[in-house]
Amino acid sequence: MSNGVLKMKIYFHRDFLEHYAHDPAAEPGRLEPALAVIERLYPIHEPRSATEEEILRVHTARHWRNISEDNLLYNTALLSAGASLEAADTAAYGKHAFALCRPPGHHASADSCWGFCYFNNIAIAVSHLLDHRKINSALIVDFDLHFGDGTANIFRGNEAVTFWHSRESSRLHYLENLKRDLREVKTDLVAVSAGFDRGINDWGGMLTVEDYRTIGSLLGNFSRERCEGRLFAVLEGGYNAAALAKNIEAFLQGLQCSKS
């Protein structure tokens, strides 16, 4: 690996392995293969739970109360948001970080949610950094198969946040679009909604393992060249457990490798 390697901090809690809901994101066995790979490569840091105040930064009190009615789901969702917050704080100091967490979050709007999401992890984390003036602007790159409508809704009209998602159906055009659009952005930090369900062996049937390595490389290089290495990523979709492990590994390796 090149001299451009940055130390990667991984945030994971054993409670993420619990069967907290009846949906594909909570399916037993979904994270174990990815965890087995990551544990061999990186140190694992156990995150704290998000506080009520941190959740209410982007969600309404009614939405918070609705989710809190199911204790297991609520506690796991608080940990997922907490892992994202810790990853964001790490990134604010110029280190890459990844939250291997669930439930995902990008379909959660301020007062509603769907698509296996409950609290919007990426929005909570980015809002935390902005409100505490750790950054003045953020680029959110959502490469999940599905549009992160909750994230877009929460940050609609907020000039401090740029949101990127592509519905491109050609893998080559998809990568070219990302490369082109990154040239136009100025930002203090990159926040990644890392959904792997666009993968060739997942629901989207499009991106290869090497494509995820390329995405990681593009974003990692961008963060080093344009915002002093400030980047964190949060797991969203990805439902073929074996493919998810390979794709996450490739993405993280891409993040760490400088271009030649």
Protein backbone atom coordinates (compact mmCIF):
# COMPACT_ATOMS: atom_id res chain seq x y z
CA MET A 1 0.00 0.00 0.00
CA SER A 2 1.25 3.48 -0.85
CA ASN A 3 2.62 6.23 1.39
CA GLY A 4 -0.77 7.96 1.08
CA VAL A 5 -2.41 5.51 3.50
CA LEU A 6 -4.55 7.10 6.20
CA LYS A 7 -5.47 5.25 9.35
CA MET A 8 -9.05 4.02 9.14
CA LYS A 9 -11.29 4.03 12.23
CA ILE A 10 -14.16 1.54 12.18
CA TYR A 11 -17.16 1.99 14.50
CA PHE A 12 -19.18 -1.13 15.26
CA HIS A 13 -21.24 -2.46 18.16
CA ARG A 14 -22.11 -6.13 18.73
CA ASP A 15 -25.76 -5.12 19.12
CA PHE A 16 -25.83 -4.43 15.37
CA LEU A 17 -25.89 -8.21 14.94
CA GLU A 18 -29.22 -8.44 16.81
CA HIS A 19 -32.42 -9.19 14.89
CA TYR A 20 -34.07 -5.87 15.78
CA ALA A 21 -36.81 -5.81 13.08
CA HIS A 22 -38.41 -7.91 10.37
CA ASP A 23 -36.84 -6.38 7.27
CA PRO A 24 -33.91 -7.22 4.94
CA ALA A 25 -31.55 -4.73 6.61
CA ALA A 26 -32.09 -6.47 9.96
CA GLU A 27 -31.82 -10.00 8.60
CA PRO A 28 -29.65 -12.33 10.72
CA GLY A 29 -26.23 -12.92 9.19
CA ARG A 30 -26.16 -9.74 7.11
CA LEU A 31 -23.13 -8.12 8.81
CA GLU A 32 -21.13 -11.11 10.05
CA PRO A 33 -19.12 -11.71 6.83
CA ALA A 34 -18.23 -8.01 6.55
CA LEU A 35 -17.27 -7.88 10.21
CA ALA A 36 -15.01 -10.93 9.82
CA VAL A 37 -13.14 -9.21 6.98
CA ILE A 38 -12.91 -5.81 8.66
CA GLU A 39 -11.73 -7.21 12.01
CA ARG A 40 -8.68 -8.68 10.27
CA LEU A 41 -7.73 -5.36 8.70
CA TYR A 42 -8.69 -2.56 11.09
CA PRO A 43 -9.15 -1.96 14.82
CA ILE A 44 -12.81 -1.83 15.86
CA HIS A 45 -14.10 0.97 18.09
CA GLU A 46 -17.32 0.56 20.04
CA PRO A 47 -19.57 3.62 19.60
CA ARG A 48 -21.78 5.36 22.10
CA SER A 49 -25.50 5.81 21.60
CA ALA A 50 -26.82 9.07 20.19
CA THR A 51 -28.67 11.27 22.64
CA GLU A 52 -32.25 12.45 22.32
CA GLU A 53 -30.94 15.96 21.69
CA GLU A 54 -28.80 14.74 18.80
CA ILE A 55 -31.74 12.88 17.23
CA LEU A 56 -33.98 15.93 17.56
CA ARG A 57 -31.44 18.00 15.66
CA VAL A 58 -32.98 16.62 12.45
CA HIS A 59 -36.13 14.72 13.53
CA THR A 60 -39.39 15.87 15.08
CA ALA A 61 -40.35 14.95 18.63
CA ARG A 62 -43.29 12.96 17.24
CA HIS A 63 -41.00 10.86 15.04
CA TRP A 64 -38.60 10.27 17.94
CA ARG A 65 -41.49 9.12 20.17
CA ASN A 66 -42.81 6.75 17.47
CA ILE A 67 -39.45 5.00 17.10
CA SER A 68 -38.87 4.90 20.86
CA GLU A 69 -41.96 2.73 21.38
CA ASP A 70 -40.00 -0.37 20.28
CA ASN A 71 -37.15 -0.72 22.77
CA LEU A 72 -34.87 -3.07 20.80
CA LEU A 73 -35.31 -1.16 17.54
CA TYR A 74 -34.89 2.18 19.32
CA ASN A 75 -31.72 1.20 21.14
CA THR A 76 -30.16 -0.22 17.99
CA ALA A 77 -31.12 2.88 16.01
CA LEU A 78 -29.55 5.11 18.70
CA LEU A 79 -26.33 3.09 18.45
CA SER A 80 -26.36 3.37 14.65
CA ALA A 81 -26.72 7.14 14.87
CA GLY A 82 -24.03 7.20 17.57
CA ALA A 83 -21.60 5.25 15.39
CA SER A 84 -22.22 7.76 12.60
CA LEU A 85 -21.64 10.69 14.96
CA GLU A 86 -18.35 9.23 16.15
CA ALA A 87 -17.25 8.58 12.58
CA ALA A 88 -18.11 12.18 11.70
CA ASP A 89 -16.13 13.56 14.64
CA THR A 90 -13.14 11.44 13.60
CA ALA A 91 -13.39 12.73 10.04
CA ALA A 92 -13.51 16.33 11.23
CA TYR A 93 -9.91 15.86 12.38
CA GLY A 94 -8.73 14.63 8.98
CA LYS A 95 -8.99 10.86 9.47
CA HIS A 96 -11.15 8.51 7.45
CA ALA A 97 -13.83 6.60 9.38
CA PHE A 98 -16.52 4.04 8.59
CA ALA A 99 -19.61 3.14 10.60
CA LEU A 100 -20.46 -0.54 10.06
CA CYS A 101 -23.91 -0.04 11.46
CA ARG A 102 -27.57 -0.80 11.11
CA PRO A 103 -30.35 0.14 10.80
CA PRO A 104 -29.55 2.33 7.78
CA GLY A 105 -30.91 5.85 7.64
CA HIS A 106 -31.12 7.65 4.30
CA HIS A 107 -34.89 7.10 3.81
CA ALA A 108 -35.71 8.75 7.15
CA SER A 109 -37.08 12.30 6.82
CA ALA A 110 -37.68 14.69 9.70
CA ASP A 111 -41.13 13.31 10.57
CA SER A 112 -41.37 9.98 8.73
CA CYS A 113 -39.35 7.00 7.55
CA TRP A 114 -39.51 3.95 5.31
CA GLY A 115 -37.16 1.56 3.49
CA PHE A 116 -35.75 -0.14 6.63
CA CYS A 117 -34.59 3.26 7.99
CA TYR A 118 -35.62 4.92 11.27
CA PHE A 119 -33.24 7.76 12.17
CA ASN A 120 -31.22 9.47 9.42
CA ASN A 121 -27.68 8.63 10.50
CA ILE A 122 -25.83 10.66 7.89
CA ALA A 123 -28.03 13.74 8.39
CA ILE A 124 -27.69 13.59 12.18
CA ALA A 125 -23.89 13.35 11.86
CA VAL A 126 -23.50 16.13 9.29
CA SER A 127 -25.87 18.44 11.19
CA HIS A 128 -23.85 17.80 14.35
CA LEU A 129 -20.64 18.92 12.62
CA LEU A 130 -22.28 22.01 11.12
CA ASP A 131 -24.01 23.06 14.33
CA HIS A 132 -20.80 22.71 16.33
CA ARG A 133 -18.90 24.66 13.64
CA LYS A 134 -16.47 21.83 13.05
CA ILE A 135 -17.15 22.35 9.34
CA ASN A 136 -18.84 25.03 7.24
CA SER A 137 -19.92 22.80 4.37
CA ALA A 138 -20.39 19.13 3.49
CA LEU A 139 -20.72 17.01 0.38
CA ILE A 140 -22.95 13.97 0.90
CA VAL A 141 -22.31 11.25 -1.67
CA ASP A 142 -25.05 8.60 -1.64
CA PHE A 143 -24.05 5.68 -3.88
CA ASP A 144 -26.84 3.40 -2.68
CA LEU A 145 -29.11 1.93 -5.36
CA HIS A 146 -32.01 3.95 -3.98
CA PHE A 147 -32.28 7.74 -3.78
CA GLY A 148 -31.78 9.00 -0.22
CA ASP A 149 -35.01 10.95 -0.14
CA GLY A 150 -34.86 11.46 3.62
CA THR A 151 -31.42 13.05 3.43
CA ALA A 152 -32.47 15.22 0.49
CA ASN A 153 -35.61 16.31 2.36
CA ILE A 154 -33.74 17.21 5.54
CA PHE A 155 -31.14 19.33 3.74
CA ARG A 156 -33.39 20.85 1.07
CA GLY A 157 -32.60 24.57 0.87
CA ASN A 158 -29.48 24.25 3.04
CA GLU A 159 -26.68 25.85 1.05
CA ALA A 160 -24.03 24.34 3.33
CA VAL A 161 -24.82 20.82 2.08
CA THR A 162 -24.41 19.40 -1.43
CA PHE A 163 -26.18 16.09 -2.04
CA TRP A 164 -25.06 13.69 -4.80
CA HIS A 165 -26.87 10.63 -6.07
CA SER A 166 -27.01 9.18 -9.58
CA ARG A 167 -29.65 6.95 -11.15
CA GLU A 168 -27.33 6.15 -14.07
CA SER A 169 -27.89 2.57 -15.31
CA SER A 170 -24.51 2.13 -17.00
CA ARG A 171 -21.63 1.29 -14.66
CA LEU A 172 -19.08 3.14 -16.79
CA HIS A 173 -21.26 6.25 -17.07
CA TYR A 174 -21.95 6.06 -13.34
CA LEU A 175 -18.26 6.22 -12.49
CA GLU A 176 -17.63 8.95 -15.06
CA ASN A 177 -20.50 11.01 -13.64
CA LEU A 178 -19.04 10.77 -10.15
CA LYS A 179 -15.57 11.71 -11.38
CA ARG A 180 -16.95 14.67 -13.36
CA ASP A 181 -19.20 15.98 -10.60
CA LEU A 182 -16.46 15.85 -7.99
CA ARG A 183 -14.46 18.34 -10.06
CA GLU A 184 -17.18 20.95 -9.50
CA VAL A 185 -17.50 20.72 -5.71
CA LYS A 186 -15.85 22.74 -2.98
CA THR A 187 -16.45 21.39 0.51
CA ASP A 188 -14.96 21.02 3.98
CA LEU A 189 -15.87 17.34 4.36
CA VAL A 190 -17.22 14.32 2.48
CA ALA A 191 -19.97 12.24 4.09
CA VAL A 192 -20.79 8.99 2.30
CA SER A 193 -24.07 7.10 2.42
CA ALA A 194 -22.41 3.82 1.50
CA GLY A 195 -25.09 1.53 0.12
CA PHE A 196 -23.84 -1.55 -1.71
CA ASP A 197 -27.12 -2.83 -3.15
CA ARG A 198 -26.20 -1.51 -6.62
CA GLY A 199 -23.64 -4.33 -6.74
CA ILE A 200 -23.60 -6.91 -9.51
CA ASN A 201 -24.52 -9.67 -7.06
CA ASP A 202 -27.13 -7.61 -5.22
CA TRP A 203 -30.45 -5.99 -6.11
CA GLY A 204 -29.02 -3.49 -8.59
CA GLY A 205 -26.91 -5.97 -10.56
CA MET A 206 -24.51 -3.29 -11.84
CA LEU A 207 -21.32 -2.35 -9.98
CA THR A 208 -18.42 -4.79 -9.60
CA VAL A 209 -16.10 -5.22 -6.65
CA GLU A 210 -13.47 -3.23 -8.56
CA ASP A 211 -16.01 -0.46 -9.17
CA TYR A 212 -16.44 -0.05 -5.41
CA ARG A 213 -12.66 0.11 -5.08
CA THR A 214 -12.67 2.83 -7.75
CA ILE A 215 -15.41 4.77 -5.94
CA GLY A 216 -13.38 4.57 -2.75
CA SER A 217 -10.28 5.77 -4.56
CA LEU A 218 -12.10 8.69 -6.19
CA LEU A 219 -13.58 9.83 -2.88
CA GLY A 220 -10.42 9.20 -0.89
CA ASN A 221 -8.28 11.20 -3.31
CA PHE A 222 -10.86 13.98 -3.42
CA SER A 223 -10.90 14.20 0.38
CA ARG A 224 -7.11 14.39 0.59
CA GLU A 225 -6.75 16.91 -2.23
CA ARG A 226 -9.74 19.15 -1.48
CA CYS A 227 -10.68 18.88 2.21
CA GLU A 228 -7.62 17.73 4.16
CA GLY A 229 -8.69 14.09 4.37
CA ARG A 230 -12.01 14.78 6.09
CA LEU A 231 -14.25 11.88 5.07
CA PHE A 232 -16.52 9.41 6.80
CA ALA A 233 -18.89 6.76 5.49
CA VAL A 234 -21.98 5.11 6.95
CA LEU A 235 -23.44 1.78 5.81
CA GLU A 236 -26.81 1.95 4.07
CA GLY A 237 -28.03 -0.88 1.79
CA GLY A 238 -26.48 -4.16 0.62
CA TYR A 239 -28.35 -7.43 1.12
CA ASN A 240 -26.19 -10.25 -0.25
CA ALA A 241 -24.03 -10.82 2.83
CA ALA A 242 -21.08 -12.40 1.02
CA ALA A 243 -21.04 -9.72 -1.69
CA LEU A 244 -21.47 -6.98 0.91
CA ALA A 245 -18.30 -8.11 2.69
CA LYS A 246 -16.24 -8.04 -0.52
CA ASN A 247 -17.64 -4.70 -1.63
CA ILE A 248 -17.06 -2.99 1.71
CA GLU A 249 -13.49 -4.31 1.82
CA ALA A 250 -12.83 -3.00 -1.69
CA PHE A 251 -14.36 0.40 -0.93
CA LEU A 252 -12.31 0.84 2.25
CA GLN A 253 -9.13 -0.23 0.48
CA GLY A 254 -9.88 2.26 -2.29
CA LEU A 255 -10.32 5.05 0.24
CA GLN A 256 -6.86 4.44 1.64
CA CYS A 257 -4.90 4.18 -1.59
CA SER A 258 -3.50 7.29 -3.23
CA LYS A 259 -3.60 7.54 -6.99
CA SER A 260 -0.39 6.67 -8.79
